C-alpha atoms as a PDB file:
ATOM      1  CA  MET A   1     201.727  -9.958 131.279  1.00  0.00           C
ATOM      2  CA  ARG A   2     202.006 -10.722 134.991  1.00  0.00           C
ATOM      3  CA  THR A   3     198.598  -9.099 135.570  1.00  0.00           C
ATOM      4  CA  ARG A   4     197.052 -11.466 133.064  1.00  0.00           C
ATOM      5  CA  TYR A   5     198.938 -14.355 134.631  1.00  0.00           C
ATOM      6  CA  HIS A   6     197.526 -13.498 138.060  1.00  0.00           C
ATOM      7  CA  GLU A   7     194.037 -13.224 136.586  1.00  0.00           C
ATOM      8  CA  ASN A   8     194.430 -16.727 135.209  1.00  0.00           C
ATOM      9  CA  LEU A   9     195.529 -17.932 138.641  1.00  0.00           C
ATOM     10  CA  GLU A  10     192.385 -16.414 140.158  1.00  0.00           C
ATOM     11  CA  GLN A  11     190.222 -18.099 137.525  1.00  0.00           C
ATOM     12  CA  LEU A  12     191.877 -21.411 138.343  1.00  0.00           C
ATOM     13  CA  THR A  13     191.142 -20.968 142.046  1.00  0.00           C
ATOM     14  CA  ASP A  14     187.550 -20.021 141.241  1.00  0.00           C
ATOM     15  CA  GLN A  15     187.078 -23.263 139.299  1.00  0.00           C
ATOM     16  CA  LEU A  16     188.350 -25.198 142.301  1.00  0.00           C
ATOM     17  CA  ARG A  17     185.843 -23.405 144.511  1.00  0.00           C
ATOM     18  CA  VAL A  18     183.028 -24.215 142.084  1.00  0.00           C
ATOM     19  CA  MET A  19     184.053 -27.860 142.227  1.00  0.00           C
ATOM     20  CA  CYS A  20     184.001 -27.762 146.028  1.00  0.00           C
ATOM     21  CA  VAL A  21     180.535 -26.196 146.110  1.00  0.00           C
ATOM     22  CA  ARG A  22     179.301 -28.895 143.745  1.00  0.00           C
ATOM     23  CA  ASN A  23     180.698 -31.486 146.153  1.00  0.00           C
ATOM     24  CA  ARG A  24     178.805 -29.850 149.011  1.00  0.00           C
ATOM     25  CA  ASP A  25     175.601 -30.096 146.987  1.00  0.00           C
ATOM     26  CA  ALA A  26     176.398 -33.686 145.987  1.00  0.00           C
ATOM     27  CA  VAL A  27     176.886 -34.966 149.533  1.00  0.00           C
ATOM     28  CA  ALA A  28     173.666 -33.215 150.597  1.00  0.00           C
ATOM     29  CA  MET A  29     171.716 -34.863 147.758  1.00  0.00           C
ATOM     30  CA  ALA A  30     173.354 -38.230 148.408  1.00  0.00           C
ATOM     31  CA  THR A  31     172.434 -38.077 152.098  1.00  0.00           C
ATOM     32  CA  HIS A  32     168.828 -37.267 151.235  1.00  0.00           C
ATOM     33  CA  ALA A  33     168.723 -40.177 148.777  1.00  0.00           C
ATOM     34  CA  LEU A  34     170.214 -42.467 151.408  1.00  0.00           C
ATOM     35  CA  LEU A  35     167.945 -41.571 154.323  1.00  0.00           C
ATOM     36  CA  ASP A  36     164.737 -41.333 152.290  1.00  0.00           C
ATOM     37  CA  ALA A  37     165.440 -44.233 149.901  1.00  0.00           C
ATOM     38  CA  ASP A  38     164.887 -41.719 147.100  1.00  0.00           C
ATOM     39  CA  LEU A  39     165.875 -43.329 143.800  1.00  0.00           C
ATOM     40  CA  GLU A  40     165.441 -40.135 141.779  1.00  0.00           C
ATOM     41  CA  SER A  41     167.753 -38.220 144.104  1.00  0.00           C
ATOM     42  CA  ALA A  42     170.317 -41.027 143.946  1.00  0.00           C
ATOM     43  CA  GLU A  43     170.322 -40.958 140.145  1.00  0.00           C
ATOM     44  CA  ARG A  44     170.535 -37.172 140.110  1.00  0.00           C
ATOM     45  CA  THR A  45     173.479 -37.276 142.509  1.00  0.00           C
ATOM     46  CA  ILE A  46     175.344 -39.798 140.371  1.00  0.00           C
ATOM     47  CA  ASP A  47     174.885 -37.614 137.269  1.00  0.00           C
ATOM     48  CA  HIS A  48     175.911 -34.514 139.237  1.00  0.00           C
ATOM     49  CA  CYS A  49     179.096 -36.222 140.448  1.00  0.00           C
ATOM     50  CA  ALA A  50     179.988 -37.340 136.936  1.00  0.00           C
ATOM     51  CA  ARG A  51     179.797 -33.737 135.725  1.00  0.00           C
ATOM     52  CA  THR A  52     181.853 -32.555 138.694  1.00  0.00           C
ATOM     53  CA  THR A  53     184.547 -35.154 138.074  1.00  0.00           C
ATOM     54  CA  ALA A  54     184.649 -34.119 134.412  1.00  0.00           C
ATOM     55  CA  MET A  55     185.837 -30.669 135.527  1.00  0.00           C
ATOM     56  CA  ARG A  56     189.156 -32.224 136.539  1.00  0.00           C
ATOM     57  CA  GLU A  57     190.595 -32.401 133.038  1.00  0.00           C
ATOM     58  CA  GLY A  58     189.959 -28.711 132.319  1.00  0.00           C
ATOM     59  CA  ILE A  59     191.437 -27.591 135.631  1.00  0.00           C
ATOM     60  CA  GLU A  60     194.540 -29.741 135.188  1.00  0.00           C
ATOM     61  CA  HIS A  61     195.003 -28.419 131.643  1.00  0.00           C
ATOM     62  CA  ALA A  62     194.703 -24.826 132.883  1.00  0.00           C
ATOM     63  CA  ALA A  63     197.255 -25.444 135.649  1.00  0.00           C
ATOM     64  CA  ILE A  64     199.769 -27.054 133.308  1.00  0.00           C
ATOM     65  CA  THR A  65     199.300 -24.214 130.822  1.00  0.00           C
ATOM     66  CA  LEU A  66     200.100 -21.708 133.563  1.00  0.00           C
ATOM     67  CA  LEU A  67     203.285 -23.603 134.374  1.00  0.00           C
ATOM     68  CA  ALA A  68     204.335 -23.579 130.732  1.00  0.00           C
ATOM     69  CA  LEU A  69     203.239 -20.015 129.983  1.00  0.00           C
ATOM     70  CA  GLU A  70     205.763 -18.219 132.122  1.00  0.00           C
ATOM     71  CA  ALA A  71     208.274 -19.243 134.772  1.00  0.00           C
ATOM     72  CA  PRO A  72     206.348 -18.636 138.013  1.00  0.00           C
ATOM     73  CA  VAL A  73     208.013 -17.213 141.093  1.00  0.00           C
ATOM     74  CA  ALA A  74     207.815 -19.059 144.435  1.00  0.00           C
ATOM     75  CA  GLY A  75     204.337 -17.939 145.494  1.00  0.00           C
ATOM     76  CA  GLU A  76     202.865 -18.466 142.039  1.00  0.00           C
ATOM     77  CA  LEU A  77     204.484 -21.869 141.730  1.00  0.00           C
ATOM     78  CA  ARG A  78     202.978 -22.926 145.061  1.00  0.00           C
ATOM     79  CA  ARG A  79     199.517 -21.914 143.858  1.00  0.00           C
ATOM     80  CA  VAL A  80     199.728 -23.804 140.581  1.00  0.00           C
ATOM     81  CA  VAL A  81     201.213 -26.975 142.029  1.00  0.00           C
ATOM     82  CA  THR A  82     198.737 -26.872 144.903  1.00  0.00           C
ATOM     83  CA  ALA A  83     195.864 -26.521 142.420  1.00  0.00           C
ATOM     84  CA  LEU A  84     196.897 -29.840 140.892  1.00  0.00           C
ATOM     85  CA  GLN A  85     196.815 -31.412 144.354  1.00  0.00           C
ATOM     86  CA  LEU A  86     193.495 -29.787 145.235  1.00  0.00           C
ATOM     87  CA  VAL A  87     191.748 -31.100 142.148  1.00  0.00           C
ATOM     88  CA  ASP A  88     192.679 -34.610 143.240  1.00  0.00           C
ATOM     89  CA  ASP A  89     191.092 -34.077 146.674  1.00  0.00           C
ATOM     90  CA  LEU A  90     188.000 -32.538 145.099  1.00  0.00           C
ATOM     91  CA  THR A  91     187.655 -35.410 142.639  1.00  0.00           C
ATOM     92  CA  ARG A  92     187.845 -37.915 145.468  1.00  0.00           C
ATOM     93  CA  MET A  93     185.159 -36.022 147.386  1.00  0.00           C
ATOM     94  CA  SER A  94     182.908 -36.293 144.355  1.00  0.00           C
ATOM     95  CA  THR A  95     183.582 -40.021 144.065  1.00  0.00           C
ATOM     96  CA  LEU A  96     182.752 -40.566 147.743  1.00  0.00           C
ATOM     97  CA  SER A  97     179.428 -38.747 147.349  1.00  0.00           C
ATOM     98  CA  GLU A  98     178.705 -40.959 144.373  1.00  0.00           C
ATOM     99  CA  HIS A  99     179.431 -44.069 146.459  1.00  0.00           C
ATOM    100  CA  ILE A 100     176.826 -42.920 149.000  1.00  0.00           C
ATOM    101  CA  ALA A 101     174.253 -42.374 146.256  1.00  0.00           C
ATOM    102  CA  ARG A 102     175.010 -45.746 144.693  1.00  0.00           C
ATOM    103  CA  THR A 103     174.434 -47.435 148.040  1.00  0.00           C
ATOM    104  CA  ALA A 104     171.003 -45.793 148.205  1.00  0.00           C
ATOM    105  CA  ARG A 105     170.241 -46.902 144.654  1.00  0.00           C
ATOM    106  CA  ARG A 106     171.447 -50.458 145.237  1.00  0.00           C
ATOM    107  CA  ARG A 107     169.148 -50.969 148.244  1.00  0.00           C
ATOM    108  CA  HIS A 108     166.102 -49.243 146.737  1.00  0.00           C
ATOM    109  CA  PRO A 109     163.186 -49.577 147.407  1.00  0.00           C
ATOM    110  CA  ASP A 110     164.484 -50.443 150.874  1.00  0.00           C
ATOM    111  CA  CYS A 111     166.410 -47.947 152.958  1.00  0.00           C
ATOM    112  CA  ALA A 112     170.082 -48.849 153.376  1.00  0.00           C
ATOM    113  CA  VAL A 113     170.156 -47.225 156.821  1.00  0.00           C
ATOM    114  CA  PRO A 114     168.705 -49.182 159.768  1.00  0.00           C
ATOM    115  CA  ALA A 115     166.664 -47.134 162.240  1.00  0.00           C
ATOM    116  CA  PRO A 116     169.173 -47.387 165.135  1.00  0.00           C
ATOM    117  CA  VAL A 117     171.869 -45.500 163.198  1.00  0.00           C
ATOM    118  CA  ARG A 118     169.690 -43.209 161.120  1.00  0.00           C
ATOM    119  CA  ASP A 119     170.327 -40.178 163.322  1.00  0.00           C
ATOM    120  CA  LEU A 120     174.097 -40.778 163.326  1.00  0.00           C
ATOM    121  CA  LEU A 121     174.282 -40.938 159.537  1.00  0.00           C
ATOM    122  CA  ALA A 122     172.046 -37.885 159.213  1.00  0.00           C
ATOM    123  CA  ARG A 123     174.457 -35.975 161.450  1.00  0.00           C
ATOM    124  CA  MET A 124     177.434 -37.243 159.461  1.00  0.00           C
ATOM    125  CA  GLY A 125     175.754 -36.034 156.280  1.00  0.00           C
ATOM    126  CA  GLN A 126     175.119 -32.608 157.776  1.00  0.00           C
ATOM    127  CA  THR A 127     178.688 -32.396 159.043  1.00  0.00           C
ATOM    128  CA  ALA A 128     179.965 -33.285 155.571  1.00  0.00           C
ATOM    129  CA  VAL A 129     177.893 -30.477 154.068  1.00  0.00           C
ATOM    130  CA  GLU A 130     179.210 -27.998 156.639  1.00  0.00           C
ATOM    131  CA  ILE A 131     182.859 -28.933 156.196  1.00  0.00           C
ATOM    132  CA  ALA A 132     182.598 -28.793 152.404  1.00  0.00           C
ATOM    133  CA  ASP A 133     180.955 -25.383 152.688  1.00  0.00           C
ATOM    134  CA  ALA A 134     183.778 -24.217 154.964  1.00  0.00           C
ATOM    135  CA  ALA A 135     186.373 -25.569 152.524  1.00  0.00           C
ATOM    136  CA  ALA A 136     184.720 -23.641 149.689  1.00  0.00           C
ATOM    137  CA  ASP A 137     184.960 -20.464 151.774  1.00  0.00           C
ATOM    138  CA  VAL A 138     188.653 -21.150 152.415  1.00  0.00           C
ATOM    139  CA  LEU A 139     189.220 -21.514 148.681  1.00  0.00           C
ATOM    140  CA  ALA A 140     187.573 -18.127 148.191  1.00  0.00           C
ATOM    141  CA  THR A 141     189.353 -16.243 150.980  1.00  0.00           C
ATOM    142  CA  ALA A 142     192.633 -18.173 151.429  1.00  0.00           C
ATOM    143  CA  ASP A 143     192.443 -17.202 155.091  1.00  0.00           C
ATOM    144  CA  PRO A 144     195.109 -19.201 157.010  1.00  0.00           C
ATOM    145  CA  ARG A 145     193.069 -19.241 160.229  1.00  0.00           C
ATOM    146  CA  ASP A 146     189.968 -20.598 158.507  1.00  0.00           C
ATOM    147  CA  ALA A 147     192.156 -23.138 156.712  1.00  0.00           C
ATOM    148  CA  ALA A 148     193.598 -24.346 160.007  1.00  0.00           C
ATOM    149  CA  ASP A 149     190.119 -24.458 161.585  1.00  0.00           C
ATOM    150  CA  LEU A 150     188.978 -27.102 159.093  1.00  0.00           C
ATOM    151  CA  ASP A 151     190.954 -29.662 161.061  1.00  0.00           C
ATOM    152  CA  ALA A 152     188.934 -28.846 164.177  1.00  0.00           C
ATOM    153  CA  ARG A 153     185.693 -29.306 162.224  1.00  0.00           C
ATOM    154  CA  ASP A 154     186.877 -32.772 161.261  1.00  0.00           C
ATOM    155  CA  ASP A 155     186.918 -33.775 164.933  1.00  0.00           C
ATOM    156  CA  THR A 156     183.111 -33.791 164.894  1.00  0.00           C
ATOM    157  CA  MET A 157     183.061 -36.197 161.966  1.00  0.00           C
ATOM    158  CA  ASP A 158     185.648 -38.444 163.615  1.00  0.00           C
ATOM    159  CA  ALA A 159     183.544 -38.638 166.783  1.00  0.00           C
ATOM    160  CA  LEU A 160     180.406 -39.493 164.809  1.00  0.00           C
ATOM    161  CA  HIS A 161     182.306 -42.134 162.855  1.00  0.00           C
ATOM    162  CA  HIS A 162     183.520 -43.663 166.122  1.00  0.00           C
ATOM    163  CA  ASP A 163     179.951 -43.763 167.473  1.00  0.00           C
ATOM    164  CA  LEU A 164     178.686 -45.347 164.262  1.00  0.00           C
ATOM    165  CA  LEU A 165     181.238 -48.155 164.380  1.00  0.00           C
ATOM    166  CA  ALA A 166     180.451 -48.720 168.059  1.00  0.00           C
ATOM    167  CA  ALA A 167     176.766 -49.108 167.196  1.00  0.00           C
ATOM    168  CA  VAL A 168     177.487 -51.655 164.478  1.00  0.00           C
ATOM    169  CA  LEU A 169     179.777 -53.672 166.751  1.00  0.00           C
ATOM    170  CA  ALA A 170     177.473 -53.526 169.781  1.00  0.00           C
ATOM    171  CA  GLU A 171     176.065 -56.793 171.115  1.00  0.00           C
ATOM    172  CA  ASP A 172     172.491 -55.572 170.616  1.00  0.00           C
ATOM    173  CA  TRP A 173     172.989 -54.959 166.864  1.00  0.00           C
ATOM    174  CA  ASP A 174     170.212 -57.090 165.393  1.00  0.00           C
ATOM    175  CA  ASN A 175     170.227 -56.018 161.747  1.00  0.00           C
ATOM    176  CA  ALA A 176     171.387 -58.119 158.814  1.00  0.00           C
ATOM    177  CA  THR A 177     175.056 -58.553 157.966  1.00  0.00           C
ATOM    178  CA  THR A 178     174.493 -56.704 154.684  1.00  0.00           C
ATOM    179  CA  ALA A 179     173.212 -53.724 156.666  1.00  0.00           C
ATOM    180  CA  ALA A 180     176.294 -53.809 158.882  1.00  0.00           C
ATOM    181  CA  VAL A 181     178.534 -53.818 155.809  1.00  0.00           C
ATOM    182  CA  ASP A 182     176.581 -50.961 154.202  1.00  0.00           C
ATOM    183  CA  VAL A 183     176.693 -48.837 157.350  1.00  0.00           C
ATOM    184  CA  THR A 184     180.404 -49.485 157.893  1.00  0.00           C
ATOM    185  CA  LEU A 185     181.215 -48.440 154.323  1.00  0.00           C
ATOM    186  CA  LEU A 186     178.934 -45.411 154.498  1.00  0.00           C
ATOM    187  CA  GLY A 187     180.684 -44.246 157.643  1.00  0.00           C
ATOM    188  CA  ARG A 188     183.999 -44.582 155.879  1.00  0.00           C
ATOM    189  CA  TYR A 189     182.753 -42.589 152.874  1.00  0.00           C
ATOM    190  CA  TYR A 190     181.661 -39.673 155.064  1.00  0.00           C
ATOM    191  CA  GLU A 191     184.834 -39.808 157.146  1.00  0.00           C
ATOM    192  CA  ARG A 192     187.068 -39.757 154.067  1.00  0.00           C
ATOM    193  CA  PHE A 193     185.001 -36.955 152.504  1.00  0.00           C
ATOM    194  CA  ALA A 194     185.769 -34.812 155.555  1.00  0.00           C
ATOM    195  CA  ASP A 195     189.443 -35.808 155.461  1.00  0.00           C
ATOM    196  CA  HIS A 196     189.782 -34.510 151.907  1.00  0.00           C
ATOM    197  CA  ALA A 197     188.127 -31.243 152.939  1.00  0.00           C
ATOM    198  CA  VAL A 198     190.770 -30.957 155.667  1.00  0.00           C
ATOM    199  CA  HIS A 199     193.467 -31.544 153.045  1.00  0.00           C
ATOM    200  CA  ILE A 200     192.089 -28.515 151.181  1.00  0.00           C
ATOM    201  CA  GLY A 201     192.663 -26.393 154.266  1.00  0.00           C
ATOM    202  CA  GLU A 202     196.171 -27.747 154.675  1.00  0.00           C
ATOM    203  CA  ARG A 203     197.030 -26.993 151.060  1.00  0.00           C
ATOM    204  CA  ILE A 204     195.600 -23.464 151.235  1.00  0.00           C
ATOM    205  CA  LEU A 205     197.627 -22.920 154.416  1.00  0.00           C
ATOM    206  CA  TYR A 206     200.709 -23.956 152.454  1.00  0.00           C
ATOM    207  CA  ILE A 207     199.913 -21.443 149.716  1.00  0.00           C
ATOM    208  CA  ALA A 208     199.454 -18.657 152.247  1.00  0.00           C
ATOM    209  CA  THR A 209     202.427 -19.373 154.508  1.00  0.00           C
ATOM    210  CA  GLY A 210     204.733 -21.780 152.685  1.00  0.00           C
ATOM    211  CA  THR A 211     204.377 -24.194 155.621  1.00  0.00           C
ATOM    212  CA  THR A 212     202.162 -27.156 156.372  1.00  0.00           C
ATOM    213  CA  ALA A 213     199.726 -27.365 159.287  1.00  0.00           C
ATOM    214  CA  ALA A 214     202.079 -29.783 161.067  1.00  0.00           C
ATOM    215  CA  THR A 215     205.015 -27.395 160.678  1.00  0.00           C
ATOM    216  CA  THR A 216     202.927 -24.497 161.950  1.00  0.00           C
ATOM    217  CA  THR A 217     201.806 -26.488 164.978  1.00  0.00           C
ATOM    218  CA  GLN A 218     205.355 -27.586 165.823  1.00  0.00           C
ATOM    219  CA  SER A 219     206.611 -24.027 165.575  1.00  0.00           C
ATOM    220  CA  THR A 220     204.188 -22.932 168.304  1.00  0.00           C
ATOM    221  CA  LEU A 221     205.058 -25.694 170.783  1.00  0.00           C
END
């Protein structure tokens, strides 16, 4: 019975990883749609995100069933409860990718990204893909070191976000106000996408060690 229970736990984790991989693909497609003003890619991304978000109900049902099936011990309980938290982060990542794609669709046939910040947003998109890919690997391996390293990867996104805001607020910004609003929101979408990937690492660290990243850091000071 416990063997079957553990198999179900592994299947639950695998579904979370699939959701994370889909989010990696979504943010890549959304970035392409954004930078190339590609309406077809924007529409495809929106549909892709809707299907990803729809996975939430099945994952939540599976987690609740595992809680009701048999009284889990401490480690098992952490995994099930954390799965419910992870699916929330993964759903939000999907929604943020959809927001990026909708911005591209709303401004089509024009490009929502002014030339001066095109490179910055391209780098933010690539960083989002990389951090989502790393989060998917953490979900597969549950390696505490890799989980903790996600926070360091987020530093790159934070720096890019800072540079993007500085460009929008610079005195030589000569694009329309609507472009400034779009770029500011897009920066926020990418920054929050990375934050939720970091949360995945923190939650996997909790499963593996029973402590949070903050607790682990404090214990080494």
